[in-house]
Amino acid sequence: MKKIDAVGQACPMPVILTKRALKESNGEAILISVDNEIATQNLAKMAEQLKLSVQVEKINDSLYEVQLSDPNAGNEAHAAEHTALPEQATDTVAPSGASYVVVLNSDFIGNGSEELGRTLMKSFLFSLTEQEVLPDKVLCYNAGALLTTEGSAVLDDLKALEEDGVEVLTCGICGEFYGVKDKLAVGTFTNMYRIVEILRTAKTVSP
């Protein structure tokens, strides 16, 4: 049985670590240790989507163990059918008909605490790098332009996306407004006309 220690790992890392392990498991059961109930619920939902059996055991208030197993392990036909995870694709960037564009119009997600919102943005972009089908483009405008400049907490994730073929575009006038046009650290600047063209024709995803 393969074991994963995800204690202390913030969402969505327990799920990401488990997905990575599943790709290499060859039907072997996986035991994941986490430290909160929400993580167990997220893993259980993933197991349901993948049609895996799941057992959750609370060891104490700060330790839970989640076991995932394939009820059809040993069935070669079933194993071949389920070798890839549901969203897995041959190509990294979205294939024709499945393309999408990620839109970032702020440097944090949601309303309320900006500190939490920035943590959520970092989590969102890291999770995006782990998707089997990546977006064609990432559009950054208004305060989203700050994400692509020097000192941004999400530069590594945006650079990883760019290296995998994702085009990262930042609104030039937004860079000027925030005084960061000379600090672009990933991708290229574009204009609002081009942004409108992309938004008009593409399926968009926003956090």
C-alpha atoms as a PDB file:
ATOM      1  CA  MET A   1       0.000   0.000   0.000  1.00  0.00           C
ATOM      2  CA  LYS A   2       1.357   3.390  -1.008  1.00  0.00           C
ATOM      3  CA  LYS A   3       1.349   5.997   1.783  1.00  0.00           C
ATOM      4  CA  ILE A   4       1.113   9.777   1.476  1.00  0.00           C
ATOM      5  CA  ASP A   5       1.820  12.109   4.381  1.00  0.00           C
ATOM      6  CA  ALA A   6      -0.220  15.253   3.690  1.00  0.00           C
ATOM      7  CA  VAL A   7      -0.340  16.402   7.312  1.00  0.00           C
ATOM      8  CA  GLY A   8       0.167  20.164   7.443  1.00  0.00           C
ATOM      9  CA  GLN A   9      -0.486  20.529   3.715  1.00  0.00           C
ATOM     10  CA  ALA A  10      -3.000  23.221   2.842  1.00  0.00           C
ATOM     11  CA  CYS A  11      -5.799  22.699   0.326  1.00  0.00           C
ATOM     12  CA  PRO A  12      -5.530  21.603  -2.461  1.00  0.00           C
ATOM     13  CA  MET A  13      -2.229  19.773  -1.848  1.00  0.00           C
ATOM     14  CA  PRO A  14      -3.698  16.560  -0.352  1.00  0.00           C
ATOM     15  CA  VAL A  15      -5.804  16.088  -3.495  1.00  0.00           C
ATOM     16  CA  ILE A  16      -2.931  16.975  -5.830  1.00  0.00           C
ATOM     17  CA  LEU A  17      -0.502  14.639  -4.090  1.00  0.00           C
ATOM     18  CA  THR A  18      -3.081  11.855  -4.229  1.00  0.00           C
ATOM     19  CA  LYS A  19      -3.763  12.394  -7.927  1.00  0.00           C
ATOM     20  CA  ARG A  20      -0.057  12.203  -8.641  1.00  0.00           C
ATOM     21  CA  ALA A  21       0.167   8.958  -6.689  1.00  0.00           C
ATOM     22  CA  LEU A  22      -2.853   7.477  -8.461  1.00  0.00           C
ATOM     23  CA  LYS A  23      -1.167   7.916 -11.838  1.00  0.00           C
ATOM     24  CA  GLU A  24       1.661   5.678 -10.657  1.00  0.00           C
ATOM     25  CA  SER A  25      -0.266   3.299  -8.417  1.00  0.00           C
ATOM     26  CA  ASN A  26      -1.065   0.518 -10.949  1.00  0.00           C
ATOM     27  CA  GLY A  27      -4.133  -0.359  -8.898  1.00  0.00           C
ATOM     28  CA  GLU A  28      -2.325  -0.327  -5.554  1.00  0.00           C
ATOM     29  CA  ALA A  29      -4.311   1.031  -2.595  1.00  0.00           C
ATOM     30  CA  ILE A  30      -3.273   4.434  -1.259  1.00  0.00           C
ATOM     31  CA  LEU A  31      -3.341   5.617   2.355  1.00  0.00           C
ATOM     32  CA  ILE A  32      -3.342   9.395   2.858  1.00  0.00           C
ATOM     33  CA  SER A  33      -2.727  11.042   6.226  1.00  0.00           C
ATOM     34  CA  VAL A  34      -4.275  14.496   6.712  1.00  0.00           C
ATOM     35  CA  ASP A  35      -4.948  16.749   9.667  1.00  0.00           C
ATOM     36  CA  ASN A  36      -8.446  18.103   9.030  1.00  0.00           C
ATOM     37  CA  GLU A  37     -11.908  16.859   8.153  1.00  0.00           C
ATOM     38  CA  ILE A  38     -12.297  19.083   5.098  1.00  0.00           C
ATOM     39  CA  ALA A  39      -9.340  17.331   3.485  1.00  0.00           C
ATOM     40  CA  THR A  40     -11.017  13.961   4.061  1.00  0.00           C
ATOM     41  CA  GLN A  41     -14.200  15.258   2.420  1.00  0.00           C
ATOM     42  CA  ASN A  42     -12.270  16.547  -0.607  1.00  0.00           C
ATOM     43  CA  LEU A  43     -10.513  13.200  -0.990  1.00  0.00           C
ATOM     44  CA  ALA A  44     -13.801  11.326  -0.648  1.00  0.00           C
ATOM     45  CA  LYS A  45     -15.362  13.459  -3.395  1.00  0.00           C
ATOM     46  CA  MET A  46     -12.413  12.786  -5.655  1.00  0.00           C
ATOM     47  CA  ALA A  47     -12.709   9.055  -4.949  1.00  0.00           C
ATOM     48  CA  GLU A  48     -16.391   9.171  -5.881  1.00  0.00           C
ATOM     49  CA  GLN A  49     -15.563  10.881  -9.187  1.00  0.00           C
ATOM     50  CA  LEU A  50     -12.936   8.242  -9.940  1.00  0.00           C
ATOM     51  CA  LYS A  51     -15.204   5.377  -8.815  1.00  0.00           C
ATOM     52  CA  LEU A  52     -12.759   4.345  -6.086  1.00  0.00           C
ATOM     53  CA  SER A  53     -13.625   2.866  -2.706  1.00  0.00           C
ATOM     54  CA  VAL A  54     -12.856   5.155   0.216  1.00  0.00           C
ATOM     55  CA  GLN A  55     -12.476   4.560   3.941  1.00  0.00           C
ATOM     56  CA  VAL A  56     -11.955   7.414   6.394  1.00  0.00           C
ATOM     57  CA  GLU A  57     -10.669   6.862   9.910  1.00  0.00           C
ATOM     58  CA  LYS A  58     -10.279   9.569  12.536  1.00  0.00           C
ATOM     59  CA  ILE A  59      -7.157   8.757  14.571  1.00  0.00           C
ATOM     60  CA  ASN A  60      -7.444  11.856  16.774  1.00  0.00           C
ATOM     61  CA  ASP A  61      -8.520  15.490  16.460  1.00  0.00           C
ATOM     62  CA  SER A  62      -5.498  16.347  14.321  1.00  0.00           C
ATOM     63  CA  LEU A  63      -4.956  13.149  12.352  1.00  0.00           C
ATOM     64  CA  TYR A  64      -7.165  11.374   9.846  1.00  0.00           C
ATOM     65  CA  GLU A  65      -6.355   8.510   7.501  1.00  0.00           C
ATOM     66  CA  VAL A  66      -8.071   8.096   4.150  1.00  0.00           C
ATOM     67  CA  GLN A  67      -7.664   4.865   2.216  1.00  0.00           C
ATOM     68  CA  LEU A  68      -8.466   4.757  -1.486  1.00  0.00           C
ATOM     69  CA  SER A  69      -8.650   1.514  -3.405  1.00  0.00           C
ATOM     70  CA  ASP A  70      -9.960   0.282  -6.720  1.00  0.00           C
ATOM     71  CA  PRO A  71     -12.762  -2.249  -6.146  1.00  0.00           C
ATOM     72  CA  ASN A  72     -11.917  -3.749  -9.548  1.00  0.00           C
ATOM     73  CA  ALA A  73      -8.161  -4.006  -9.012  1.00  0.00           C
ATOM     74  CA  GLY A  74      -6.837  -7.030 -10.841  1.00  0.00           C
ATOM     75  CA  ASN A  75      -9.382  -6.741 -13.634  1.00  0.00           C
ATOM     76  CA  GLU A  76      -7.084  -6.014 -16.595  1.00  0.00           C
ATOM     77  CA  ALA A  77      -9.813  -4.610 -18.836  1.00  0.00           C
ATOM     78  CA  HIS A  78     -11.003  -2.292 -16.092  1.00  0.00           C
ATOM     79  CA  ALA A  79      -7.444  -1.242 -15.269  1.00  0.00           C
ATOM     80  CA  ALA A  80      -6.742  -0.350 -18.882  1.00  0.00           C
ATOM     81  CA  GLU A  81      -9.947   1.648 -19.052  1.00  0.00           C
ATOM     82  CA  HIS A  82      -9.082   3.617 -15.914  1.00  0.00           C
ATOM     83  CA  THR A  83      -5.334   4.078 -16.366  1.00  0.00           C
ATOM     84  CA  ALA A  84      -5.811   7.811 -16.969  1.00  0.00           C
ATOM     85  CA  LEU A  85      -7.618  10.150 -14.631  1.00  0.00           C
ATOM     86  CA  PRO A  86     -10.833  11.651 -16.049  1.00  0.00           C
ATOM     87  CA  GLU A  87      -9.310  14.964 -17.078  1.00  0.00           C
ATOM     88  CA  GLN A  88      -6.122  13.434 -18.467  1.00  0.00           C
ATOM     89  CA  ALA A  89      -5.272  14.301 -22.053  1.00  0.00           C
ATOM     90  CA  THR A  90      -2.475  13.469 -24.447  1.00  0.00           C
ATOM     91  CA  ASP A  91      -1.600  17.130 -24.958  1.00  0.00           C
ATOM     92  CA  THR A  92      -0.769  19.474 -22.094  1.00  0.00           C
ATOM     93  CA  VAL A  93      -2.418  22.534 -23.592  1.00  0.00           C
ATOM     94  CA  ALA A  94      -6.132  22.233 -24.324  1.00  0.00           C
ATOM     95  CA  PRO A  95      -6.918  20.277 -27.507  1.00  0.00           C
ATOM     96  CA  SER A  96      -9.205  21.688 -30.160  1.00  0.00           C
ATOM     97  CA  GLY A  97     -12.756  22.014 -28.859  1.00  0.00           C
ATOM     98  CA  ALA A  98     -11.665  22.021 -25.223  1.00  0.00           C
ATOM     99  CA  SER A  99      -9.706  25.286 -25.170  1.00  0.00           C
ATOM    100  CA  TYR A 100     -10.263  27.907 -22.501  1.00  0.00           C
ATOM    101  CA  VAL A 101      -8.801  31.166 -21.257  1.00  0.00           C
ATOM    102  CA  VAL A 102      -8.209  32.073 -17.615  1.00  0.00           C
ATOM    103  CA  VAL A 103      -9.094  35.659 -16.697  1.00  0.00           C
ATOM    104  CA  LEU A 104      -7.446  37.348 -13.705  1.00  0.00           C
ATOM    105  CA  ASN A 105      -8.767  40.863 -13.054  1.00  0.00           C
ATOM    106  CA  SER A 106      -7.511  41.191  -9.478  1.00  0.00           C
ATOM    107  CA  ASP A 107      -4.478  40.174  -7.455  1.00  0.00           C
ATOM    108  CA  PHE A 108      -6.696  38.391  -4.941  1.00  0.00           C
ATOM    109  CA  ILE A 109      -9.844  36.243  -5.074  1.00  0.00           C
ATOM    110  CA  GLY A 110     -13.263  37.139  -3.728  1.00  0.00           C
ATOM    111  CA  ASN A 111     -14.556  39.699  -1.258  1.00  0.00           C
ATOM    112  CA  GLY A 112     -13.628  40.097   2.384  1.00  0.00           C
ATOM    113  CA  SER A 113     -10.086  39.469   3.568  1.00  0.00           C
ATOM    114  CA  GLU A 114      -7.489  40.457   0.960  1.00  0.00           C
ATOM    115  CA  GLU A 115      -4.905  38.365   2.812  1.00  0.00           C
ATOM    116  CA  LEU A 116      -7.067  35.276   2.428  1.00  0.00           C
ATOM    117  CA  GLY A 117      -7.858  36.283  -1.146  1.00  0.00           C
ATOM    118  CA  ARG A 118      -4.157  36.353  -2.029  1.00  0.00           C
ATOM    119  CA  THR A 119      -3.686  32.933  -0.463  1.00  0.00           C
ATOM    120  CA  LEU A 120      -6.605  31.665  -2.569  1.00  0.00           C
ATOM    121  CA  MET A 121      -5.093  33.180  -5.727  1.00  0.00           C
ATOM    122  CA  LYS A 122      -1.801  31.409  -5.079  1.00  0.00           C
ATOM    123  CA  SER A 123      -3.672  28.158  -4.485  1.00  0.00           C
ATOM    124  CA  PHE A 124      -5.737  28.668  -7.660  1.00  0.00           C
ATOM    125  CA  LEU A 125      -2.724  29.234  -9.891  1.00  0.00           C
ATOM    126  CA  PHE A 126      -0.776  26.353  -8.406  1.00  0.00           C
ATOM    127  CA  SER A 127      -3.808  24.113  -8.959  1.00  0.00           C
ATOM    128  CA  LEU A 128      -3.988  25.391 -12.528  1.00  0.00           C
ATOM    129  CA  THR A 129      -0.412  24.240 -13.179  1.00  0.00           C
ATOM    130  CA  GLU A 130      -1.457  20.753 -12.062  1.00  0.00           C
ATOM    131  CA  GLN A 131      -4.353  20.429 -14.509  1.00  0.00           C
ATOM    132  CA  GLU A 132      -3.956  17.865 -17.262  1.00  0.00           C
ATOM    133  CA  VAL A 133      -5.517  20.297 -19.755  1.00  0.00           C
ATOM    134  CA  LEU A 134      -4.013  23.758 -19.471  1.00  0.00           C
ATOM    135  CA  PRO A 135      -5.563  26.980 -20.763  1.00  0.00           C
ATOM    136  CA  ASP A 136      -4.533  28.528 -24.052  1.00  0.00           C
ATOM    137  CA  LYS A 137      -3.999  31.891 -22.414  1.00  0.00           C
ATOM    138  CA  VAL A 138      -4.002  33.705 -19.088  1.00  0.00           C
ATOM    139  CA  LEU A 139      -5.307  37.280 -19.305  1.00  0.00           C
ATOM    140  CA  CYS A 140      -4.335  39.728 -16.551  1.00  0.00           C
ATOM    141  CA  TYR A 141      -5.912  43.170 -16.325  1.00  0.00           C
ATOM    142  CA  ASN A 142      -6.762  45.821 -13.739  1.00  0.00           C
ATOM    143  CA  ALA A 143      -5.059  44.710 -10.472  1.00  0.00           C
ATOM    144  CA  GLY A 144      -4.476  41.326 -12.083  1.00  0.00           C
ATOM    145  CA  ALA A 145      -1.576  43.041 -13.861  1.00  0.00           C
ATOM    146  CA  LEU A 146       0.288  43.016 -10.549  1.00  0.00           C
ATOM    147  CA  LEU A 147       0.446  39.209 -10.670  1.00  0.00           C
ATOM    148  CA  THR A 148       2.858  39.176 -13.614  1.00  0.00           C
ATOM    149  CA  THR A 149       5.356  41.707 -12.277  1.00  0.00           C
ATOM    150  CA  GLU A 150       8.503  41.497 -10.167  1.00  0.00           C
ATOM    151  CA  GLY A 151       7.815  40.543  -6.557  1.00  0.00           C
ATOM    152  CA  SER A 152       4.557  38.723  -7.309  1.00  0.00           C
ATOM    153  CA  ALA A 153       3.955  35.701  -5.080  1.00  0.00           C
ATOM    154  CA  VAL A 154       2.616  33.708  -8.047  1.00  0.00           C
ATOM    155  CA  LEU A 155       5.410  34.295 -10.557  1.00  0.00           C
ATOM    156  CA  ASP A 156       6.731  30.739 -10.351  1.00  0.00           C
ATOM    157  CA  ASP A 157       3.321  29.306 -11.224  1.00  0.00           C
ATOM    158  CA  LEU A 158       2.767  31.739 -14.102  1.00  0.00           C
ATOM    159  CA  LYS A 159       6.262  31.015 -15.434  1.00  0.00           C
ATOM    160  CA  ALA A 160       5.572  27.273 -15.211  1.00  0.00           C
ATOM    161  CA  LEU A 161       2.405  27.762 -17.257  1.00  0.00           C
ATOM    162  CA  GLU A 162       4.296  29.813 -19.843  1.00  0.00           C
ATOM    163  CA  GLU A 163       6.975  27.143 -20.110  1.00  0.00           C
ATOM    164  CA  ASP A 164       4.223  24.615 -20.816  1.00  0.00           C
ATOM    165  CA  GLY A 165       2.968  26.669 -23.747  1.00  0.00           C
ATOM    166  CA  VAL A 166       0.365  28.911 -22.094  1.00  0.00           C
ATOM    167  CA  GLU A 167       0.400  32.496 -23.355  1.00  0.00           C
ATOM    168  CA  VAL A 168       0.402  34.998 -20.477  1.00  0.00           C
ATOM    169  CA  LEU A 169      -0.934  38.419 -21.495  1.00  0.00           C
ATOM    170  CA  THR A 170      -1.073  41.541 -19.333  1.00  0.00           C
ATOM    171  CA  CYS A 171      -2.980  44.742 -20.065  1.00  0.00           C
ATOM    172  CA  GLY A 172      -0.425  47.422 -20.938  1.00  0.00           C
ATOM    173  CA  ILE A 173      -2.466  50.407 -19.773  1.00  0.00           C
ATOM    174  CA  CYS A 174      -3.044  48.594 -16.467  1.00  0.00           C
ATOM    175  CA  GLY A 175       0.694  48.178 -16.054  1.00  0.00           C
ATOM    176  CA  GLU A 176       1.108  51.916 -16.639  1.00  0.00           C
ATOM    177  CA  PHE A 177      -1.651  52.783 -14.158  1.00  0.00           C
ATOM    178  CA  TYR A 178      -0.063  50.720 -11.389  1.00  0.00           C
ATOM    179  CA  GLY A 179       3.444  51.934 -12.248  1.00  0.00           C
ATOM    180  CA  VAL A 180       4.791  48.469 -13.031  1.00  0.00           C
ATOM    181  CA  LYS A 181       5.140  48.517 -16.804  1.00  0.00           C
ATOM    182  CA  ASP A 182       8.928  48.282 -16.521  1.00  0.00           C
ATOM    183  CA  LYS A 183       8.674  45.364 -14.067  1.00  0.00           C
ATOM    184  CA  LEU A 184       6.946  42.728 -16.194  1.00  0.00           C
ATOM    185  CA  ALA A 185       8.471  39.367 -15.219  1.00  0.00           C
ATOM    186  CA  VAL A 186       6.431  36.866 -17.215  1.00  0.00           C
ATOM    187  CA  GLY A 187       4.529  36.962 -20.491  1.00  0.00           C
ATOM    188  CA  THR A 188       3.951  40.045 -22.628  1.00  0.00           C
ATOM    189  CA  PHE A 189       1.860  43.184 -22.607  1.00  0.00           C
ATOM    190  CA  THR A 190      -1.218  43.469 -24.786  1.00  0.00           C
ATOM    191  CA  ASN A 191      -4.012  45.978 -25.372  1.00  0.00           C
ATOM    192  CA  MET A 192      -7.699  46.065 -24.533  1.00  0.00           C
ATOM    193  CA  TYR A 193      -8.735  45.533 -28.161  1.00  0.00           C
ATOM    194  CA  ARG A 194      -6.892  42.184 -28.170  1.00  0.00           C
ATOM    195  CA  ILE A 195      -8.327  41.288 -24.763  1.00  0.00           C
ATOM    196  CA  VAL A 196     -11.861  41.937 -26.033  1.00  0.00           C
ATOM    197  CA  GLU A 197     -11.196  39.789 -29.122  1.00  0.00           C
ATOM    198  CA  ILE A 198     -10.073  36.915 -26.921  1.00  0.00           C
ATOM    199  CA  LEU A 199     -12.948  37.263 -24.440  1.00  0.00           C
ATOM    200  CA  ARG A 200     -15.470  37.457 -27.283  1.00  0.00           C
ATOM    201  CA  THR A 201     -14.387  34.197 -28.855  1.00  0.00           C
ATOM    202  CA  ALA A 202     -13.077  32.026 -26.022  1.00  0.00           C
ATOM    203  CA  LYS A 203     -14.521  30.010 -23.180  1.00  0.00           C
ATOM    204  CA  THR A 204     -13.329  31.825 -20.066  1.00  0.00           C
ATOM    205  CA  VAL A 205     -12.598  30.684 -16.525  1.00  0.00           C
ATOM    206  CA  SER A 206     -12.236  33.099 -13.612  1.00  0.00           C
ATOM    207  CA  PRO A 207     -11.464  32.287  -9.971  1.00  0.00           C
END
